[in-house]
Protein backbone atom coordinates (compact mmCIF):
# COMPACT_ATOMS: atom_id res chain seq x y z
CA MET A 1 -60.36 -16.62 0.98
CA ASN A 2 -56.74 -17.37 1.85
CA SER A 3 -54.76 -14.14 1.51
CA PHE A 4 -51.38 -15.73 2.17
CA GLN A 5 -49.06 -16.11 -0.81
CA PRO A 6 -47.74 -19.56 -1.73
CA ILE A 7 -44.17 -20.32 -0.75
CA PRO A 8 -41.95 -19.82 -3.82
CA ASN A 9 -40.50 -23.02 -5.24
CA VAL A 10 -36.81 -23.73 -5.79
CA VAL A 11 -36.90 -22.53 -9.41
CA ASP A 12 -38.30 -19.18 -8.27
CA HIS A 13 -35.50 -18.89 -5.72
CA GLY A 14 -32.92 -19.60 -8.40
CA ASP A 15 -34.28 -16.89 -10.68
CA PHE A 16 -34.47 -14.50 -7.76
CA LEU A 17 -30.85 -15.09 -6.74
CA ARG A 18 -29.66 -14.67 -10.33
CA ASP A 19 -31.50 -11.35 -10.49
CA VAL A 20 -29.88 -10.27 -7.21
CA ILE A 21 -26.42 -11.11 -8.49
CA GLU A 22 -27.06 -9.13 -11.67
CA ILE A 23 -28.14 -6.13 -9.58
CA LEU A 24 -25.00 -6.43 -7.45
CA PHE A 25 -22.75 -6.74 -10.48
CA SER A 26 -24.31 -3.71 -12.18
CA ASN A 27 -24.69 -1.41 -9.17
CA VAL A 28 -21.94 -2.37 -6.74
CA VAL A 29 -19.20 -4.72 -7.92
CA PHE A 30 -18.50 -3.13 -11.31
CA ALA A 31 -19.91 0.35 -10.73
CA GLY A 32 -16.49 2.04 -10.57
CA HIS A 33 -16.35 5.84 -10.70
CA SER A 34 -19.69 6.14 -12.46
CA ASN A 35 -21.90 6.21 -9.37
CA LYS A 36 -21.78 8.63 -6.48
CA VAL A 37 -20.15 7.53 -3.24
CA VAL A 38 -23.44 8.20 -1.49
CA LEU A 39 -26.85 9.58 -2.35
CA TRP A 40 -27.20 11.49 0.91
CA LYS A 41 -30.54 11.86 2.65
CA GLN A 42 -31.28 13.15 6.13
CA PRO A 43 -32.69 10.44 8.47
CA GLU A 44 -36.27 11.77 8.46
CA SER A 45 -36.22 12.07 4.68
CA LEU A 46 -34.89 8.52 4.24
CA LYS A 47 -37.67 7.16 6.45
CA ASP A 48 -40.15 8.57 3.94
CA LEU A 49 -38.29 7.38 0.84
CA PHE A 50 -37.55 3.80 1.91
CA ASP A 51 -40.07 1.14 2.90
CA PHE A 52 -38.76 -0.02 6.31
CA SER A 53 -42.10 -1.60 7.31
CA LEU A 54 -42.45 -5.20 8.52
CA ASP A 55 -45.86 -6.87 8.08
CA GLN A 56 -47.70 -10.11 8.71
CA ILE A 57 -47.80 -10.98 5.02
CA GLY A 58 -44.65 -11.21 2.90
CA VAL A 59 -44.09 -9.26 -0.29
CA THR A 60 -43.41 -10.53 -3.81
CA GLN A 61 -39.94 -11.20 -5.15
CA GLU A 62 -40.40 -8.28 -7.54
CA LYS A 63 -40.93 -6.02 -4.54
CA LEU A 64 -37.87 -7.52 -2.83
CA LEU A 65 -35.75 -6.72 -5.89
CA VAL A 66 -36.94 -3.10 -5.75
CA LEU A 67 -36.02 -2.97 -2.05
CA ILE A 68 -32.58 -4.40 -2.80
CA LYS A 69 -32.03 -1.76 -5.50
CA ASN A 70 -33.12 0.99 -3.10
CA THR A 71 -30.86 -0.36 -0.36
CA ILE A 72 -27.92 -0.04 -2.73
CA LYS A 73 -29.16 3.34 -3.98
CA PHE A 74 -29.15 4.96 -0.53
CA SER A 75 -26.13 3.12 0.93
CA VAL A 76 -22.53 4.30 1.05
CA LYS A 77 -20.42 2.68 -1.66
CA THR A 78 -17.36 1.77 0.39
CA GLY A 79 -15.73 0.16 -2.66
CA HIS A 80 -15.75 3.50 -4.52
CA PRO A 81 -12.24 4.97 -4.92
CA TYR A 82 -13.45 8.24 -3.35
CA PHE A 83 -14.63 6.58 -0.14
CA ILE A 84 -11.67 7.59 2.05
CA ASN A 85 -13.65 8.14 5.21
CA GLN A 86 -12.63 5.13 7.33
CA LEU A 87 -9.74 2.69 7.81
CA PHE A 88 -11.36 0.27 5.39
CA SER A 89 -12.33 0.59 1.74
CA GLY A 90 -12.18 -1.18 -1.58
CA LEU A 91 -13.91 -4.26 -2.94
CA ASP A 92 -11.67 -7.24 -3.59
CA PRO A 93 -13.24 -9.79 -5.97
CA TYR A 94 -11.55 -12.80 -4.33
CA GLY A 95 -12.57 -11.64 -0.87
CA LEU A 96 -16.11 -11.06 -2.07
CA ALA A 97 -16.25 -14.56 -3.59
CA GLY A 98 -14.98 -15.99 -0.31
CA GLN A 99 -17.63 -14.16 1.67
CA TRP A 100 -20.39 -15.34 -0.66
CA LEU A 101 -19.23 -18.95 -0.28
CA THR A 102 -19.13 -18.92 3.53
CA ASP A 103 -22.51 -17.20 3.70
CA ALA A 104 -23.95 -19.87 1.41
CA LEU A 105 -22.52 -22.69 3.53
CA ASN A 106 -23.57 -20.88 6.74
CA ALA A 107 -20.97 -22.78 8.75
CA SER A 108 -19.94 -22.01 12.32
CA VAL A 109 -16.31 -22.59 13.25
CA TYR A 110 -16.10 -24.25 16.63
CA THR A 111 -15.48 -27.93 15.89
CA TYR A 112 -13.79 -29.87 13.12
CA GLU A 113 -16.98 -31.89 12.86
CA VAL A 114 -19.07 -29.00 11.51
CA ALA A 115 -16.30 -26.99 9.78
CA PRO A 116 -13.51 -29.35 8.69
CA VAL A 117 -12.01 -27.22 5.91
CA PHE A 118 -12.30 -23.93 7.77
CA THR A 119 -10.84 -25.39 10.98
CA LEU A 120 -7.67 -26.55 9.22
CA MET A 121 -7.57 -23.30 7.22
CA GLU A 122 -7.66 -21.18 10.40
CA THR A 123 -4.81 -23.21 11.86
CA LYS A 124 -2.69 -22.69 8.75
CA VAL A 125 -3.32 -18.93 8.47
CA ILE A 126 -2.61 -18.37 12.17
CA GLN A 127 0.58 -20.45 11.99
CA GLU A 128 1.85 -18.57 8.94
CA MET A 129 1.20 -15.16 10.46
CA CYS A 130 2.73 -16.17 13.80
CA LYS A 131 5.92 -17.06 11.91
CA MET A 132 5.84 -13.63 10.28
CA ILE A 133 5.63 -11.93 13.69
CA GLY A 134 8.44 -13.93 15.29
CA PRO A 135 9.77 -17.45 15.90
CA GLU A 136 8.45 -17.64 19.46
CA TRP A 137 4.84 -16.85 18.58
CA GLY A 138 2.46 -19.68 19.31
CA ASP A 139 -1.25 -19.10 18.64
CA GLY A 140 -4.02 -16.74 17.64
CA MET A 141 -7.73 -16.33 17.16
CA PHE A 142 -10.08 -14.57 14.78
CA CYS A 143 -12.03 -11.75 16.42
CA PRO A 144 -15.17 -9.77 15.55
CA GLY A 145 -13.09 -6.62 15.08
CA GLY A 146 -9.90 -5.11 16.47
CA SER A 147 -11.69 -3.62 19.47
CA PHE A 148 -12.67 -7.12 20.62
CA GLY A 149 -9.08 -8.27 20.05
CA ASN A 150 -7.72 -5.42 22.17
CA GLY A 151 -10.21 -6.20 24.94
CA THR A 152 -9.30 -9.88 24.88
CA ALA A 153 -5.61 -8.98 25.22
CA ILE A 154 -6.34 -6.74 28.22
CA ASN A 155 -8.07 -9.71 29.85
CA LEU A 156 -5.30 -12.18 28.92
CA ALA A 157 -2.68 -9.92 30.50
CA ARG A 158 -4.66 -9.84 33.74
CA PHE A 159 -5.24 -13.61 33.66
CA ASN A 160 -1.50 -14.14 33.13
CA LEU A 161 -0.84 -12.44 36.47
CA PHE A 162 -3.85 -13.79 38.33
CA PRO A 163 -5.02 -17.11 36.82
CA ASP A 164 -7.35 -17.67 39.79
CA ILE A 165 -9.51 -14.82 38.47
CA LYS A 166 -11.08 -17.28 36.02
CA LEU A 167 -12.80 -19.10 38.90
CA ASN A 168 -12.87 -16.58 41.74
CA GLY A 169 -13.40 -13.27 39.98
CA LEU A 170 -12.05 -9.91 41.11
CA THR A 171 -11.98 -10.72 44.84
CA ASN A 172 -8.89 -9.40 46.65
CA LEU A 173 -7.12 -8.17 43.51
CA PRO A 174 -4.89 -5.10 43.85
CA LYS A 175 -5.76 -1.92 41.96
CA LEU A 176 -4.57 -2.66 38.41
CA VAL A 177 -3.52 0.10 36.03
CA LEU A 178 -2.55 0.00 32.37
CA PHE A 179 -0.89 2.49 30.05
CA ALA A 180 -1.65 3.57 26.50
CA SER A 181 -0.82 6.48 24.23
CA GLU A 182 -3.10 9.50 24.48
CA GLU A 183 -3.78 8.83 20.77
CA CYS A 184 -4.66 5.15 21.26
CA HIS A 185 -7.89 3.58 20.01
CA TYR A 186 -10.92 4.22 22.20
CA SER A 187 -11.52 0.47 22.59
CA ILE A 188 -8.80 0.37 25.25
CA HIS A 189 -10.91 2.53 27.57
CA LYS A 190 -14.15 0.77 26.64
CA PHE A 191 -12.85 -2.68 27.47
CA ALA A 192 -11.09 -1.50 30.62
CA SER A 193 -14.54 -0.40 31.76
CA PHE A 194 -16.18 -3.64 30.57
CA LEU A 195 -13.62 -5.81 32.38
CA GLY A 196 -14.00 -3.99 35.69
CA ILE A 197 -10.61 -2.27 35.55
CA GLY A 198 -12.15 1.15 34.98
CA GLU A 199 -11.53 3.86 32.41
CA ASN A 200 -9.78 6.02 35.00
CA ASN A 201 -7.19 3.29 35.45
CA VAL A 202 -6.09 3.61 31.82
CA LEU A 203 -3.21 6.07 32.15
CA SER A 204 -2.70 8.19 29.04
CA VAL A 205 0.93 8.57 28.00
CA ASN A 206 1.97 11.78 26.27
CA THR A 207 2.71 11.79 22.54
CA ASP A 208 5.19 13.86 20.56
CA ASP A 209 4.53 16.18 17.63
CA VAL A 210 3.93 13.28 15.19
CA GLY A 211 1.82 11.21 17.60
CA GLN A 212 4.35 8.69 18.93
CA MET A 213 4.32 7.60 22.57
CA ASP A 214 6.81 9.43 24.82
CA VAL A 215 8.68 6.56 26.49
CA SER A 216 10.16 8.74 29.25
CA ASP A 217 6.64 9.84 30.19
CA LEU A 218 5.56 6.18 30.19
CA GLU A 219 8.28 5.22 32.66
CA GLN A 220 7.56 8.22 34.85
CA LYS A 221 3.86 7.30 35.04
CA ILE A 222 4.71 3.69 35.89
CA LEU A 223 6.89 4.87 38.76
CA GLU A 224 4.16 7.23 39.97
CA GLN A 225 1.63 4.37 40.10
CA LEU A 226 4.05 2.12 41.94
CA GLY A 227 4.59 4.92 44.44
CA LEU A 228 0.83 5.11 45.00
CA GLY A 229 0.72 1.39 45.78
CA ASN A 230 -1.11 0.50 42.56
CA MET A 231 -0.14 -2.37 40.27
CA PRO A 232 0.91 -1.57 36.69
CA TYR A 233 0.42 -4.68 34.59
CA LEU A 234 0.03 -3.77 30.90
CA VAL A 235 1.24 -1.34 28.24
CA VAL A 236 -0.69 -0.96 24.98
CA ALA A 237 1.47 0.31 22.12
CA THR A 238 0.05 1.25 18.74
CA LEU A 239 1.39 0.62 15.26
CA GLY A 240 -0.67 2.97 13.13
CA THR A 241 -2.79 5.20 15.34
CA THR A 242 -6.28 5.87 14.04
CA VAL A 243 -5.89 9.56 13.29
CA ARG A 244 -2.24 10.27 12.52
CA GLY A 245 -1.03 6.77 11.68
CA ALA A 246 1.75 7.03 14.27
CA PHE A 247 4.02 4.10 15.11
CA ASP A 248 5.02 3.92 18.76
CA PRO A 249 8.74 3.13 19.40
CA LEU A 250 8.27 -0.56 20.22
CA ASN A 251 11.80 -1.53 21.16
CA ASP A 252 12.08 1.28 23.72
CA ILE A 253 8.63 0.43 25.11
CA ALA A 254 9.55 -3.27 25.25
CA ASP A 255 12.66 -2.39 27.29
CA VAL A 256 10.48 -0.57 29.83
CA CYS A 257 8.01 -3.46 29.96
CA LYS A 258 10.85 -5.92 30.55
CA SER A 259 12.25 -3.78 33.38
CA TYR A 260 8.93 -3.60 35.21
CA LYS A 261 7.60 -7.04 34.16
CA LEU A 262 4.60 -5.67 32.27
CA TRP A 263 2.66 -7.37 29.48
CA LEU A 264 3.16 -5.56 26.16
CA HIS A 265 0.17 -5.60 23.82
CA VAL A 266 0.49 -4.09 20.34
CA ASP A 267 -2.56 -2.69 18.60
CA ALA A 268 -1.44 -3.11 15.00
CA ALA A 269 -5.00 -3.28 13.68
CA TRP A 270 -4.20 -0.55 11.17
CA GLY A 271 -0.45 -0.84 10.64
CA GLY A 272 0.03 -4.59 10.94
CA GLY A 273 -0.62 -5.29 7.25
CA LEU A 274 2.87 -3.90 6.53
CA ILE A 275 4.14 -7.27 7.74
CA PHE A 276 3.75 -8.50 4.14
CA SER A 277 6.08 -5.85 2.70
CA GLN A 278 9.85 -6.27 2.79
CA LYS A 279 10.14 -2.57 1.97
CA TYR A 280 8.14 -1.38 5.00
CA ARG A 281 8.44 -4.31 7.45
CA SER A 282 11.02 -2.34 9.46
CA LYS A 283 8.25 -0.02 10.68
CA LEU A 284 7.06 -2.97 12.78
CA ASN A 285 10.46 -3.64 14.36
CA GLY A 286 10.04 -4.78 17.95
CA ILE A 287 6.65 -6.39 17.37
CA GLU A 288 8.20 -9.78 18.14
CA ARG A 289 8.96 -8.60 21.70
CA ALA A 290 5.29 -8.15 22.59
CA GLN A 291 3.09 -10.75 24.28
CA SER A 292 0.03 -10.10 22.11
CA VAL A 293 -0.72 -8.36 18.81
CA VAL A 294 -3.91 -7.40 16.95
CA ILE A 295 -3.85 -7.18 13.14
CA ASN A 296 -6.92 -6.39 11.00
CA PRO A 297 -6.64 -7.74 7.44
CA HIS A 298 -9.95 -5.96 6.71
CA LYS A 299 -8.09 -2.66 7.00
CA LEU A 300 -4.85 -2.31 5.06
CA LEU A 301 -5.15 -5.59 3.14
CA ALA A 302 -8.74 -4.81 2.01
CA VAL A 303 -10.22 -8.15 3.09
CA PRO A 304 -14.03 -7.74 3.29
CA GLN A 305 -15.48 -6.81 6.68
CA GLN A 306 -14.82 -8.31 9.07
CA CYS A 307 -11.46 -10.01 9.43
CA SER A 308 -9.42 -9.38 12.55
CA LEU A 309 -6.87 -11.51 14.39
CA LEU A 310 -5.35 -11.54 17.86
CA PHE A 311 -1.98 -13.30 18.12
CA VAL A 312 -0.30 -14.44 21.35
CA LYS A 313 3.22 -15.56 22.12
CA ASP A 314 2.14 -18.11 24.77
CA LYS A 315 0.64 -20.98 22.74
CA ASP A 316 -1.53 -22.26 25.61
CA ILE A 317 -2.89 -19.09 27.20
CA LEU A 318 -6.02 -18.81 25.04
CA HIS A 319 -7.12 -22.29 26.11
CA ARG A 320 -6.20 -21.75 29.76
CA CYS A 321 -8.03 -18.45 29.97
CA HIS A 322 -11.11 -19.17 27.88
CA SER A 323 -11.87 -22.90 27.82
CA LYS A 324 -14.90 -24.38 29.56
CA GLY A 325 -15.14 -27.82 27.97
CA ALA A 326 -18.87 -27.91 27.26
CA GLU A 327 -19.59 -31.59 26.65
CA TYR A 328 -22.34 -31.00 24.12
CA LEU A 329 -19.70 -29.54 21.77
CA PHE A 330 -16.29 -30.71 22.95
CA GLN A 331 -16.89 -34.37 23.82
CA LYS A 332 -13.83 -36.36 24.86
CA ASP A 333 -14.87 -39.55 23.03
CA LYS A 334 -15.29 -38.24 19.48
CA TYR A 335 -14.78 -40.35 16.38
CA TYR A 336 -11.80 -38.18 15.34
CA ASP A 337 -8.90 -36.42 17.05
CA SER A 338 -10.69 -33.80 19.15
CA THR A 339 -7.55 -31.67 19.48
CA TYR A 340 -8.66 -30.22 16.14
CA ASP A 341 -11.70 -28.68 17.89
CA HIS A 342 -10.39 -25.16 18.51
CA GLY A 343 -13.66 -23.50 19.45
CA ASP A 344 -13.10 -23.65 23.19
CA LYS A 345 -10.22 -21.17 23.05
CA TYR A 346 -12.68 -18.56 21.76
CA LEU A 347 -15.02 -16.40 23.82
CA GLN A 348 -17.64 -16.77 21.09
CA CYS A 349 -19.47 -19.98 20.39
CA GLY A 350 -21.24 -19.49 17.04
CA ARG A 351 -18.75 -17.78 14.75
CA LYS A 352 -18.53 -16.91 11.06
CA CYS A 353 -15.77 -18.27 8.81
CA ASP A 354 -13.79 -15.05 8.56
CA VAL A 355 -10.69 -17.00 7.55
CA PHE A 356 -11.85 -18.12 4.09
CA LYS A 357 -12.02 -14.73 2.36
CA PHE A 358 -8.55 -13.88 3.73
CA TRP A 359 -7.13 -17.29 2.77
CA LEU A 360 -8.64 -17.09 -0.73
CA MET A 361 -7.17 -13.63 -1.31
CA TRP A 362 -3.78 -14.81 -0.02
CA LYS A 363 -3.97 -17.90 -2.25
CA ALA A 364 -4.87 -15.78 -5.29
CA LYS A 365 -2.35 -12.98 -4.79
CA GLY A 366 0.41 -14.67 -2.82
CA SER A 367 2.35 -12.79 -0.15
CA MET A 368 3.98 -10.77 -2.94
CA GLY A 369 0.56 -9.63 -4.13
CA PHE A 370 -0.27 -8.25 -0.70
CA ALA A 371 3.15 -6.57 -0.65
CA ARG A 372 2.51 -4.88 -4.01
CA HIS A 373 -0.90 -3.72 -2.78
CA VAL A 374 0.61 -2.20 0.37
CA GLU A 375 3.48 -0.51 -1.47
CA ALA A 376 1.18 0.96 -4.13
CA LEU A 377 -0.98 2.49 -1.40
CA MET A 378 2.09 3.96 0.31
CA GLU A 379 3.09 5.56 -3.01
CA VAL A 380 -0.35 7.19 -3.31
CA ALA A 381 -0.13 8.48 0.28
CA GLU A 382 3.32 9.92 -0.45
CA TYR A 383 1.99 11.64 -3.56
CA PHE A 384 -0.96 13.02 -1.57
CA GLU A 385 1.45 14.49 0.99
CA THR A 386 3.64 16.12 -1.66
CA GLN A 387 0.57 17.71 -3.25
CA ILE A 388 -0.51 19.12 0.11
CA GLU A 389 2.95 20.66 0.55
CA LYS A 390 2.87 22.19 -2.95
CA ARG A 391 -0.56 23.82 -2.76
CA PRO A 392 -0.81 27.16 -0.89
CA ASP A 393 -4.43 26.53 0.14
CA PHE A 394 -3.50 23.36 2.11
CA CYS A 395 -1.32 22.77 5.16
CA LEU A 396 -0.01 19.57 6.79
CA VAL A 397 -0.98 18.97 10.41
CA SER A 398 2.07 16.77 11.06
CA LYS A 399 4.56 14.81 9.02
CA ARG A 400 3.15 11.62 7.51
CA GLN A 401 4.41 8.32 8.92
CA TYR A 402 2.06 5.95 7.11
CA MET A 403 -1.09 6.02 4.95
CA ASN A 404 -2.62 8.82 7.01
CA VAL A 405 -2.17 12.32 5.61
CA CYS A 406 -3.62 14.88 8.01
CA PHE A 407 -4.16 18.36 6.61
CA TRP A 408 -6.12 21.59 6.78
CA TYR A 409 -7.77 23.39 3.92
CA LEU A 410 -6.93 27.09 4.36
CA PRO A 411 -9.49 29.66 3.26
CA ARG A 412 -7.94 32.65 1.55
CA TYR A 413 -7.95 34.74 4.72
CA LEU A 414 -5.71 32.15 6.45
CA GLN A 415 -3.25 31.54 3.63
CA GLY A 416 0.24 32.85 4.29
CA LYS A 417 -0.35 33.27 8.04
CA ARG A 418 2.77 32.54 10.07
CA ASN A 419 0.92 30.58 12.75
CA ILE A 420 -2.49 29.39 11.64
CA LEU A 421 -3.21 27.99 15.12
CA ASN A 422 -3.72 31.57 16.24
CA ASN A 423 -6.96 31.25 14.28
CA THR A 424 -8.18 28.01 15.87
CA SER A 425 -11.82 29.02 16.27
CA GLN A 426 -12.07 29.91 12.58
CA LEU A 427 -10.18 26.84 11.40
CA GLN A 428 -12.39 24.57 13.52
CA LYS A 429 -15.37 25.38 11.27
CA VAL A 430 -13.72 24.79 7.90
CA ALA A 431 -13.54 20.98 7.56
CA PRO A 432 -17.12 20.28 8.78
CA GLN A 433 -18.59 22.77 6.32
CA ILE A 434 -16.59 21.45 3.37
CA LYS A 435 -17.43 17.85 4.26
CA ALA A 436 -21.14 18.67 4.47
CA VAL A 437 -21.05 19.94 0.88
CA MET A 438 -19.00 16.95 -0.32
CA VAL A 439 -21.34 14.37 1.19
CA LYS A 440 -24.52 16.12 0.05
CA HIS A 441 -23.03 16.27 -3.43
CA GLY A 442 -22.12 12.56 -3.07
CA SER A 443 -18.74 13.01 -4.71
CA VAL A 444 -16.21 12.22 -1.96
CA MET A 445 -16.34 10.95 1.62
CA LEU A 446 -13.31 12.12 3.58
CA GLY A 447 -13.02 12.04 7.37
CA TYR A 448 -12.15 14.91 9.68
CA GLN A 449 -11.61 15.33 13.43
CA PRO A 450 -9.90 17.49 16.04
CA LEU A 451 -6.97 16.11 18.06
CA LYS A 452 -5.58 17.35 21.37
CA ASN A 453 -5.27 21.14 20.91
CA LEU A 454 -5.54 20.97 17.12
CA PRO A 455 -8.75 22.20 15.44
CA ASN A 456 -10.67 20.06 12.96
CA PHE A 457 -8.54 18.72 10.11
CA PHE A 458 -9.04 16.28 7.24
CA ARG A 459 -7.52 12.79 7.31
CA PHE A 460 -6.76 11.04 4.04
CA VAL A 461 -6.52 7.24 4.24
CA SER A 462 -7.08 4.65 1.54
CA GLN A 463 -6.84 0.89 1.23
CA ASN A 464 -8.32 0.89 -2.28
CA SER A 465 -5.72 -0.08 -4.87
CA ALA A 466 -7.96 1.41 -7.57
CA LEU A 467 -7.09 4.92 -6.32
CA THR A 468 -4.65 6.71 -8.62
CA LYS A 469 -2.60 9.91 -8.54
CA GLU A 470 -5.18 11.44 -10.89
CA ASP A 471 -7.83 10.65 -8.28
CA VAL A 472 -5.73 12.41 -5.66
CA ASP A 473 -5.59 15.52 -7.84
CA PHE A 474 -9.37 15.37 -8.33
CA ILE A 475 -10.02 15.06 -4.57
CA LEU A 476 -7.78 18.00 -3.68
CA ASP A 477 -9.16 20.14 -6.51
CA HIS A 478 -12.68 19.28 -5.37
CA ILE A 479 -11.95 20.30 -1.78
CA ALA A 480 -10.39 23.55 -2.99
CA ASP A 481 -13.36 24.34 -5.26
CA ILE A 482 -15.79 23.82 -2.39
CA GLY A 483 -13.56 25.79 -0.04
CA ARG A 484 -13.43 28.79 -2.36
CA ALA A 485 -17.22 28.67 -2.75
CA VAL A 486 -17.99 28.31 0.96
CA PHE A 487 -15.27 30.72 2.16
CA PRO A 488 -15.01 33.37 -0.59
């Protein structure tokens, strides 16, 4: 007897997909505040509760629908207003529609032949954003995340100095060193290792009391490396550091880079979305003086994961550095103008259409819509900061520069202390214990971390325009309630 199930017909697939969409609408897209952020389970417990098995024989569509419901049930709801744990959140309906469409088409963007609409769309989006950065900016590429964009920029800067490296590799190169803030993203060190430069050759530049790069320390470290016979070649500045949301002083850094002929790369993955706001655009002043910039629309602008772009001033360098001219994709005798085949400037071959969800959101909202989104979020962050300053059981870590509000919850025995950092070992334990209760309750997800000599503190960030001032009050009240219970 044949135990295999018949392959479902097209009608069955249609009913199945309609059921899936209904589940998504009910449990994710329009769930709002009603559901928990997460139904937390420890890993060993989740293994018992969820059917992760893979077998020779497939299961019924009814079983698949149960598995889909359970996947949602035990997953983190990143679109929930109280998911403020990462530098992404929210659920934009236009972005979601765009992602559904590109997944349905299953296109890969390397030639005009296989992705005509998306190829022209990428060109338009990159051109428009280049104009927003500065008149001399020439090209860009979509990346699988800001880390990849930063790593590509590190490689482009090296190629710019030593173009022969593309063919001959690292042979006979001097010892290259690069410089980044001590509060920079960890991807700088990861890709320095990956590219053969070495983590130890990323020189950390001191930061001030709000997290901005100390330019005098940068110049001193450049001079020290020159004195050692090493070759400084790149400075990575950050607009919106991951923890404190600090904006490095770009114009001063650009002056130093010009003096010593160094490539300036700007990691604006987090802060770059401010480029849409006339009110806050000045925080990016100097960005036009860089040679490369990373901006992640999936962060501040709430485009669905993932959507990240690397922009370059030199309009030809991506092709010069990356192209290989594989004839099975980039034939010279095509039946259309092959200059529209942009895939060879990418390090990837197969690549998702990340542009469409961003383009569709931009088309729906206009640049002014993105500006309103950004400015509303800045208002919420400002309100959050003022509430921290008003409440005696909270304390700011450093003055807010952006969306990031970094703060400690102070148990009663630390309130009113003149210098709470004299109690570092006690304060270190507070945030992890409060977060553990929050997550197990499923009410709020809020990140924490230590930094330099500072003990664990909470970091508020949100890109969800559904978050209100009333939500801020709830979050702070909730933290205080847990704090009073855990630290009576």
